[in-house]
Structure formats: C-alpha cells, structure tokens
C-alpha atoms as a PDB file:
ATOM      1  CA  MET A   1      17.859  -5.535  17.074  1.00  0.00           C
ATOM      2  CA  ASP A   2      19.964  -5.700  13.934  1.00  0.00           C
ATOM      3  CA  ALA A   3      17.073  -7.313  12.089  1.00  0.00           C
ATOM      4  CA  LEU A   4      14.786  -4.395  12.935  1.00  0.00           C
ATOM      5  CA  LYS A   5      17.427  -1.935  11.841  1.00  0.00           C
ATOM      6  CA  ASP A   6      17.835  -3.823   8.555  1.00  0.00           C
ATOM      7  CA  ILE A   7      14.081  -3.851   7.959  1.00  0.00           C
ATOM      8  CA  PHE A   8      13.786  -0.106   8.447  1.00  0.00           C
ATOM      9  CA  LYS A   9      16.857   0.574   6.268  1.00  0.00           C
ATOM     10  CA  PHE A  10      15.304  -1.600   3.552  1.00  0.00           C
ATOM     11  CA  LEU A  11      12.011   0.295   3.754  1.00  0.00           C
ATOM     12  CA  ILE A  12      13.763   3.648   3.470  1.00  0.00           C
ATOM     13  CA  GLU A  13      16.052   2.606   0.609  1.00  0.00           C
ATOM     14  CA  ARG A  14      13.223   1.031  -1.423  1.00  0.00           C
ATOM     15  CA  LYS A  15      10.874   3.994  -0.787  1.00  0.00           C
ATOM     16  CA  LYS A  16       8.355   1.736   0.925  1.00  0.00           C
ATOM     17  CA  LEU A  17       7.592   4.263   3.642  1.00  0.00           C
ATOM     18  CA  TRP A  18       3.907   3.350   3.590  1.00  0.00           C
ATOM     19  CA  LEU A  19       4.846   0.006   5.180  1.00  0.00           C
ATOM     20  CA  MET A  20       6.396   1.622   8.269  1.00  0.00           C
ATOM     21  CA  PRO A  21       3.131   2.190  10.185  1.00  0.00           C
ATOM     22  CA  LEU A  22       2.085  -1.399   9.489  1.00  0.00           C
ATOM     23  CA  THR A  23       5.446  -2.674  10.698  1.00  0.00           C
ATOM     24  CA  LEU A  24       5.250  -0.608  13.872  1.00  0.00           C
ATOM     25  CA  VAL A  25       1.721  -1.790  14.654  1.00  0.00           C
ATOM     26  CA  LEU A  26       2.737  -5.416  14.185  1.00  0.00           C
ATOM     27  CA  LEU A  27       5.761  -4.940  16.461  1.00  0.00           C
ATOM     28  CA  ILE A  28       3.635  -3.336  19.167  1.00  0.00           C
ATOM     29  CA  LEU A  29       1.008  -6.088  18.995  1.00  0.00           C
ATOM     30  CA  GLY A  30       3.706  -8.750  19.124  1.00  0.00           C
ATOM     31  CA  ALA A  31       5.302  -7.125  22.166  1.00  0.00           C
ATOM     32  CA  LEU A  32       1.909  -6.943  23.893  1.00  0.00           C
ATOM     33  CA  LEU A  33       1.283 -10.624  23.278  1.00  0.00           C
ATOM     34  CA  ILE A  34       4.731 -11.678  24.456  1.00  0.00           C
ATOM     35  CA  PHE A  35       4.941  -9.518  27.564  1.00  0.00           C
ATOM     36  CA  GLY A  36       1.264  -9.745  28.422  1.00  0.00           C
ATOM     37  CA  GLY A  37       1.111 -13.514  28.425  1.00  0.00           C
ATOM     38  CA  GLY A  38       3.116 -14.111  31.564  1.00  0.00           C
ATOM     39  CA  SER A  39       2.619 -10.973  33.602  1.00  0.00           C
ATOM     40  CA  ALA A  40       0.131  -9.663  36.128  1.00  0.00           C
ATOM     41  CA  LEU A  41      -1.132  -7.252  33.467  1.00  0.00           C
ATOM     42  CA  ALA A  42      -2.419 -10.064  31.264  1.00  0.00           C
ATOM     43  CA  PRO A  43      -6.117  -9.722  32.208  1.00  0.00           C
ATOM     44  CA  PHE A  44      -6.028  -6.000  31.423  1.00  0.00           C
ATOM     45  CA  ILE A  45      -4.261  -6.446  28.089  1.00  0.00           C
ATOM     46  CA  TYR A  46      -6.625  -9.238  27.008  1.00  0.00           C
ATOM     47  CA  SER A  47      -9.612  -7.067  27.821  1.00  0.00           C
ATOM     48  CA  LEU A  48      -8.433  -4.620  25.149  1.00  0.00           C
ATOM     49  CA  PHE A  49      -8.986  -7.223  22.464  1.00  0.00           C
END
C-alpha cells in the first residue's frame, strides 16, 4: 500500500492530477482480473468484457 500512497503523492506534487482517473481505472481493472479469476463470480465478471 505504500507504493500506491507514493504514486498519489507524486501525482499531487507534480500537478499531474489528470492522471489520477487513469490510475484509478487501471487499479480497478487489475483488481477485477485478480479477484475474478479464481472466484465463483468469474463468469459474471468476464461477461462484462
């Protein structure tokens, strides 16, 4: 979690706030792929894509 905190601190300090939505979308998609791969919800998550 420290890496995420560092990324967001970097974005704020460098005034790269336009990258925050992109970062959040990538994190959400990554979490869906990781948690959806081995769970009972996998068929429902894969149907979204």
